Amino acid sequence: MQGGSEHSACPDDTGFPEIGTYWRAVDSDDLRVVDFENCSMVFNPTTWDTHYVSPLVGAVLGLLRESAFPAASIASELAATPDEVDALAGPILAVLSQLAGFGLVTPEDQIADS
């Protein structure tokens, strides 16, 4: 995903998703995820792409495979302490943008519109 204008959930000025947008994994039953100590490998059988991702990316994708969440809720779920929630918001938005670029997640409004 290049610019924010390509994706309705991404404002033009930053290219990152909006904080309140709900996200869900695409074809979550078909995705294959293998977690290792310091990374995860994600296989998307739709595109035959394999992605080597950080533990944070793997954790976000794991949550989104279960249900749709906005970035703030993902940060709350993954933060070790309440003080870490705000610090995780920016990285979570970057992860969502990366996963959307891989075609692994999509905003809820795009699922409903399909």
N, C-alpha and C. Protein backbone atom coordinates (compact mmCIF):
# COMPACT_ATOMS: atom_id res chain seq x y z
N MET A 1 0.85 -1.16 0.00
CA MET A 1 0.00 0.00 0.00
C MET A 1 0.90 1.22 0.00
N GLN A 2 0.74 2.06 -0.96
CA GLN A 2 1.61 3.22 -1.09
C GLN A 2 1.06 4.42 -0.35
N GLY A 3 0.10 5.10 -0.85
CA GLY A 3 -0.41 6.31 -0.20
C GLY A 3 -1.72 6.08 0.49
N GLY A 4 -2.10 7.04 1.31
CA GLY A 4 -3.33 6.92 2.05
C GLY A 4 -4.57 6.97 1.17
N SER A 5 -4.47 7.56 -0.02
CA SER A 5 -5.64 7.70 -0.85
C SER A 5 -6.10 6.38 -1.44
N GLU A 6 -5.27 5.33 -1.42
CA GLU A 6 -5.64 4.04 -1.96
C GLU A 6 -6.57 3.28 -1.03
N HIS A 7 -6.68 3.69 0.20
CA HIS A 7 -7.41 2.91 1.20
C HIS A 7 -8.32 3.85 1.96
N SER A 8 -9.60 3.53 1.99
CA SER A 8 -10.56 4.44 2.60
C SER A 8 -10.32 4.66 4.08
N ALA A 9 -9.66 3.74 4.77
CA ALA A 9 -9.44 3.89 6.20
C ALA A 9 -8.15 4.66 6.50
N CYS A 10 -7.42 5.05 5.49
CA CYS A 10 -6.16 5.75 5.68
C CYS A 10 -6.28 7.20 5.25
N PRO A 11 -6.06 8.13 6.16
CA PRO A 11 -6.12 9.53 5.78
C PRO A 11 -4.97 9.88 4.83
N ASP A 12 -5.20 10.83 3.93
CA ASP A 12 -4.21 11.18 2.93
C ASP A 12 -2.92 11.73 3.50
N ASP A 13 -2.95 12.39 4.66
CA ASP A 13 -1.76 13.06 5.15
C ASP A 13 -0.74 12.12 5.80
N THR A 14 -1.13 10.94 6.30
CA THR A 14 -0.18 10.07 6.98
C THR A 14 0.01 8.73 6.31
N GLY A 15 -0.99 8.22 5.64
CA GLY A 15 -0.92 6.89 5.08
C GLY A 15 -1.21 5.80 6.10
N PHE A 16 -1.40 6.16 7.37
CA PHE A 16 -1.71 5.17 8.39
C PHE A 16 -3.22 5.09 8.59
N PRO A 17 -3.71 3.94 9.04
CA PRO A 17 -5.14 3.80 9.28
C PRO A 17 -5.63 4.71 10.39
N GLU A 18 -6.91 4.99 10.37
CA GLU A 18 -7.52 5.78 11.43
C GLU A 18 -7.65 4.93 12.68
N ILE A 19 -7.49 5.52 13.84
CA ILE A 19 -7.44 4.80 15.11
C ILE A 19 -8.73 4.05 15.42
N GLY A 20 -9.90 4.55 15.01
CA GLY A 20 -11.16 3.92 15.36
C GLY A 20 -11.66 2.87 14.37
N THR A 21 -10.96 2.68 13.25
CA THR A 21 -11.37 1.72 12.24
C THR A 21 -11.25 0.30 12.78
N TYR A 22 -12.27 -0.51 12.58
CA TYR A 22 -12.21 -1.93 12.95
C TYR A 22 -11.54 -2.71 11.83
N TRP A 23 -10.65 -3.63 12.20
CA TRP A 23 -9.89 -4.43 11.25
C TRP A 23 -10.16 -5.91 11.49
N ARG A 24 -10.08 -6.70 10.42
CA ARG A 24 -10.26 -8.14 10.49
C ARG A 24 -9.27 -8.80 9.52
N ALA A 25 -8.81 -10.00 9.87
CA ALA A 25 -7.96 -10.77 8.96
C ALA A 25 -8.79 -11.23 7.77
N VAL A 26 -8.17 -11.27 6.61
CA VAL A 26 -8.82 -11.72 5.40
C VAL A 26 -8.66 -13.23 5.30
N ASP A 27 -9.72 -13.94 4.97
CA ASP A 27 -9.66 -15.40 4.81
C ASP A 27 -8.90 -16.06 5.94
N SER A 28 -9.28 -15.76 7.16
CA SER A 28 -8.50 -16.21 8.31
C SER A 28 -8.42 -17.73 8.43
N ASP A 29 -9.36 -18.46 7.89
CA ASP A 29 -9.29 -19.92 7.95
C ASP A 29 -8.20 -20.48 7.06
N ASP A 30 -7.85 -19.76 5.99
CA ASP A 30 -6.86 -20.25 5.05
C ASP A 30 -5.43 -19.79 5.36
N LEU A 31 -5.28 -18.74 6.15
CA LEU A 31 -3.93 -18.27 6.49
C LEU A 31 -3.21 -19.30 7.34
N ARG A 32 -1.93 -19.40 7.16
CA ARG A 32 -1.11 -20.29 7.98
C ARG A 32 -0.09 -19.42 8.70
N VAL A 33 -0.04 -19.53 10.01
CA VAL A 33 0.89 -18.75 10.82
C VAL A 33 1.68 -19.70 11.69
N VAL A 34 2.99 -19.56 11.66
CA VAL A 34 3.88 -20.33 12.52
C VAL A 34 4.65 -19.33 13.37
N ASP A 35 4.51 -19.45 14.67
CA ASP A 35 5.19 -18.55 15.60
C ASP A 35 6.49 -19.18 16.08
N PHE A 36 7.55 -18.39 16.03
CA PHE A 36 8.84 -18.77 16.57
C PHE A 36 9.15 -17.85 17.74
N GLU A 37 10.28 -18.01 18.35
CA GLU A 37 10.63 -17.20 19.52
C GLU A 37 10.74 -15.72 19.18
N ASN A 38 11.36 -15.38 18.07
CA ASN A 38 11.61 -13.97 17.74
C ASN A 38 10.93 -13.49 16.46
N CYS A 39 10.02 -14.29 15.91
CA CYS A 39 9.35 -13.90 14.67
C CYS A 39 8.16 -14.81 14.42
N SER A 40 7.43 -14.51 13.39
CA SER A 40 6.37 -15.37 12.89
C SER A 40 6.51 -15.46 11.38
N MET A 41 6.08 -16.56 10.83
CA MET A 41 6.00 -16.73 9.39
C MET A 41 4.53 -16.85 9.04
N VAL A 42 4.11 -16.08 8.05
CA VAL A 42 2.71 -16.07 7.63
C VAL A 42 2.64 -16.48 6.17
N PHE A 43 1.84 -17.50 5.88
CA PHE A 43 1.63 -17.95 4.51
C PHE A 43 0.20 -17.62 4.10
N ASN A 44 0.07 -16.90 2.99
CA ASN A 44 -1.23 -16.54 2.44
C ASN A 44 -1.47 -17.40 1.20
N PRO A 45 -2.32 -18.44 1.30
CA PRO A 45 -2.52 -19.33 0.16
C PRO A 45 -3.23 -18.67 -1.02
N THR A 46 -3.88 -17.55 -0.80
CA THR A 46 -4.53 -16.83 -1.89
C THR A 46 -3.50 -16.26 -2.86
N THR A 47 -2.42 -15.71 -2.31
CA THR A 47 -1.37 -15.09 -3.14
C THR A 47 -0.12 -15.95 -3.24
N TRP A 48 -0.02 -16.98 -2.43
CA TRP A 48 1.16 -17.84 -2.30
C TRP A 48 2.37 -17.06 -1.78
N ASP A 49 2.12 -15.97 -1.08
CA ASP A 49 3.19 -15.18 -0.46
C ASP A 49 3.44 -15.67 0.96
N THR A 50 4.71 -15.67 1.33
CA THR A 50 5.09 -15.96 2.71
C THR A 50 5.76 -14.71 3.25
N HIS A 51 5.39 -14.33 4.47
CA HIS A 51 5.92 -13.11 5.09
C HIS A 51 6.61 -13.46 6.41
N TYR A 52 7.81 -12.96 6.57
CA TYR A 52 8.57 -13.07 7.81
C TYR A 52 8.26 -11.80 8.59
N VAL A 53 7.61 -11.93 9.75
CA VAL A 53 7.14 -10.75 10.47
C VAL A 53 7.60 -10.77 11.92
N SER A 54 7.59 -9.59 12.53
CA SER A 54 7.98 -9.45 13.93
C SER A 54 6.94 -10.08 14.86
N PRO A 55 7.32 -10.32 16.11
CA PRO A 55 6.33 -10.85 17.06
C PRO A 55 5.11 -9.94 17.23
N LEU A 56 5.30 -8.62 17.16
CA LEU A 56 4.17 -7.70 17.27
C LEU A 56 3.21 -7.90 16.11
N VAL A 57 3.74 -8.01 14.90
CA VAL A 57 2.89 -8.22 13.73
C VAL A 57 2.15 -9.55 13.86
N GLY A 58 2.85 -10.59 14.30
CA GLY A 58 2.21 -11.89 14.49
C GLY A 58 1.11 -11.83 15.54
N ALA A 59 1.34 -11.10 16.62
CA ALA A 59 0.33 -10.98 17.68
C ALA A 59 -0.90 -10.23 17.19
N VAL A 60 -0.69 -9.15 16.44
CA VAL A 60 -1.82 -8.38 15.90
C VAL A 60 -2.63 -9.26 14.94
N LEU A 61 -1.94 -9.97 14.06
CA LEU A 61 -2.65 -10.84 13.12
C LEU A 61 -3.39 -11.95 13.86
N GLY A 62 -2.80 -12.47 14.92
CA GLY A 62 -3.48 -13.50 15.72
C GLY A 62 -4.79 -12.99 16.31
N LEU A 63 -4.78 -11.78 16.83
CA LEU A 63 -6.02 -11.19 17.37
C LEU A 63 -7.06 -10.99 16.27
N LEU A 64 -6.62 -10.49 15.13
CA LEU A 64 -7.55 -10.18 14.06
C LEU A 64 -8.11 -11.44 13.39
N ARG A 65 -7.44 -12.57 13.55
CA ARG A 65 -7.97 -13.83 13.04
C ARG A 65 -9.14 -14.30 13.88
N GLU A 66 -9.20 -13.84 15.14
CA GLU A 66 -10.28 -14.23 16.04
C GLU A 66 -11.52 -13.35 15.88
N SER A 67 -11.29 -12.04 15.71
CA SER A 67 -12.40 -11.09 15.66
C SER A 67 -11.89 -9.76 15.12
N ALA A 68 -12.81 -8.87 14.81
CA ALA A 68 -12.44 -7.53 14.36
C ALA A 68 -12.17 -6.65 15.58
N PHE A 69 -11.14 -5.82 15.49
CA PHE A 69 -10.76 -4.92 16.57
C PHE A 69 -10.29 -3.59 15.98
N PRO A 70 -10.51 -2.48 16.70
CA PRO A 70 -9.85 -1.22 16.33
C PRO A 70 -8.44 -1.22 16.94
N ALA A 71 -7.60 -0.33 16.46
CA ALA A 71 -6.21 -0.26 16.93
C ALA A 71 -6.12 -0.07 18.44
N ALA A 72 -6.98 0.76 19.01
CA ALA A 72 -6.92 1.03 20.45
C ALA A 72 -7.18 -0.25 21.25
N SER A 73 -8.12 -1.07 20.81
CA SER A 73 -8.40 -2.32 21.50
C SER A 73 -7.26 -3.32 21.35
N ILE A 74 -6.64 -3.33 20.17
CA ILE A 74 -5.48 -4.21 19.96
C ILE A 74 -4.37 -3.81 20.92
N ALA A 75 -4.11 -2.51 21.04
CA ALA A 75 -3.08 -2.03 21.96
C ALA A 75 -3.41 -2.43 23.39
N SER A 76 -4.67 -2.32 23.78
CA SER A 76 -5.08 -2.72 25.13
C SER A 76 -4.86 -4.20 25.37
N GLU A 77 -5.16 -5.01 24.37
CA GLU A 77 -4.99 -6.46 24.50
C GLU A 77 -3.52 -6.86 24.61
N LEU A 78 -2.65 -6.17 23.88
CA LEU A 78 -1.25 -6.57 23.81
C LEU A 78 -0.34 -5.90 24.82
N ALA A 79 -0.79 -4.81 25.42
CA ALA A 79 0.05 -4.09 26.38
C ALA A 79 0.23 -4.90 27.66
N ALA A 80 1.44 -4.92 28.15
CA ALA A 80 1.73 -5.63 29.40
C ALA A 80 1.17 -4.89 30.61
N THR A 81 1.13 -3.55 30.51
CA THR A 81 0.60 -2.73 31.60
C THR A 81 -0.28 -1.64 30.98
N PRO A 82 -1.18 -1.06 31.76
CA PRO A 82 -2.02 0.03 31.22
C PRO A 82 -1.20 1.22 30.71
N ASP A 83 -0.02 1.45 31.29
CA ASP A 83 0.82 2.56 30.85
C ASP A 83 1.36 2.36 29.44
N GLU A 84 1.42 1.13 28.97
CA GLU A 84 1.97 0.84 27.64
C GLU A 84 0.96 1.01 26.51
N VAL A 85 -0.31 1.14 26.83
CA VAL A 85 -1.35 1.19 25.79
C VAL A 85 -1.12 2.36 24.84
N ASP A 86 -0.91 3.56 25.36
CA ASP A 86 -0.70 4.72 24.49
C ASP A 86 0.57 4.58 23.66
N ALA A 87 1.62 4.00 24.24
CA ALA A 87 2.88 3.83 23.52
C ALA A 87 2.74 2.83 22.38
N LEU A 88 1.82 1.90 22.48
CA LEU A 88 1.62 0.90 21.42
C LEU A 88 0.74 1.39 20.28
N ALA A 89 -0.01 2.46 20.48
CA ALA A 89 -0.96 2.92 19.46
C ALA A 89 -0.29 3.19 18.12
N GLY A 90 0.80 3.92 18.11
CA GLY A 90 1.51 4.23 16.86
C GLY A 90 2.04 2.99 16.17
N PRO A 91 2.77 2.13 16.90
CA PRO A 91 3.25 0.89 16.27
C PRO A 91 2.11 -0.01 15.75
N ILE A 92 0.99 -0.04 16.46
CA ILE A 92 -0.15 -0.85 16.00
C ILE A 92 -0.70 -0.30 14.69
N LEU A 93 -0.80 1.01 14.56
CA LEU A 93 -1.27 1.61 13.31
C LEU A 93 -0.31 1.28 12.16
N ALA A 94 0.99 1.30 12.43
CA ALA A 94 1.97 0.95 11.40
C ALA A 94 1.84 -0.53 11.01
N VAL A 95 1.61 -1.40 11.99
CA VAL A 95 1.42 -2.82 11.72
C VAL A 95 0.17 -3.04 10.87
N LEU A 96 -0.92 -2.38 11.20
CA LEU A 96 -2.14 -2.52 10.41
C LEU A 96 -1.92 -2.08 8.96
N SER A 97 -1.19 -1.00 8.78
CA SER A 97 -0.88 -0.53 7.44
C SER A 97 -0.04 -1.57 6.69
N GLN A 98 0.95 -2.15 7.38
CA GLN A 98 1.80 -3.18 6.77
C GLN A 98 0.97 -4.42 6.40
N LEU A 99 0.14 -4.90 7.32
CA LEU A 99 -0.67 -6.08 7.05
C LEU A 99 -1.67 -5.83 5.93
N ALA A 100 -2.23 -4.62 5.86
CA ALA A 100 -3.14 -4.29 4.76
C ALA A 100 -2.39 -4.31 3.44
N GLY A 101 -1.14 -3.82 3.45
CA GLY A 101 -0.32 -3.85 2.24
C GLY A 101 -0.02 -5.27 1.78
N PHE A 102 0.11 -6.19 2.72
CA PHE A 102 0.33 -7.61 2.40
C PHE A 102 -0.96 -8.29 1.94
N GLY A 103 -2.10 -7.61 2.12
CA GLY A 103 -3.39 -8.21 1.78
C GLY A 103 -3.88 -9.19 2.83
N LEU A 104 -3.38 -9.06 4.07
CA LEU A 104 -3.74 -10.00 5.13
C LEU A 104 -4.86 -9.49 6.03
N VAL A 105 -5.09 -8.17 6.07
CA VAL A 105 -6.17 -7.60 6.86
C VAL A 105 -6.89 -6.56 6.02
N THR A 106 -8.11 -6.27 6.43
CA THR A 106 -8.90 -5.26 5.74
C THR A 106 -9.81 -4.60 6.76
N PRO A 107 -10.18 -3.35 6.52
CA PRO A 107 -11.13 -2.70 7.42
C PRO A 107 -12.51 -3.35 7.29
N GLU A 108 -13.26 -3.33 8.36
CA GLU A 108 -14.60 -3.92 8.38
C GLU A 108 -15.50 -3.33 7.29
N ASP A 109 -15.42 -2.01 7.04
CA ASP A 109 -16.30 -1.41 6.04
C ASP A 109 -16.04 -1.98 4.65
N GLN A 110 -14.81 -2.37 4.37
CA GLN A 110 -14.52 -2.96 3.06
C GLN A 110 -15.02 -4.39 2.96
N ILE A 111 -15.08 -5.10 4.09
CA ILE A 111 -15.65 -6.44 4.09
C ILE A 111 -17.13 -6.35 3.80
N ALA A 112 -17.81 -5.42 4.47
CA ALA A 112 -19.26 -5.26 4.29
C ALA A 112 -19.60 -4.81 2.88
N ASP A 113 -18.70 -4.02 2.26
CA ASP A 113 -18.96 -3.49 0.93
C ASP A 113 -18.69 -4.51 -0.17
N SER A 114 -17.97 -5.59 0.14
CA SER A 114 -17.58 -6.57 -0.88
C SER A 114 -18.75 -7.33 -1.42
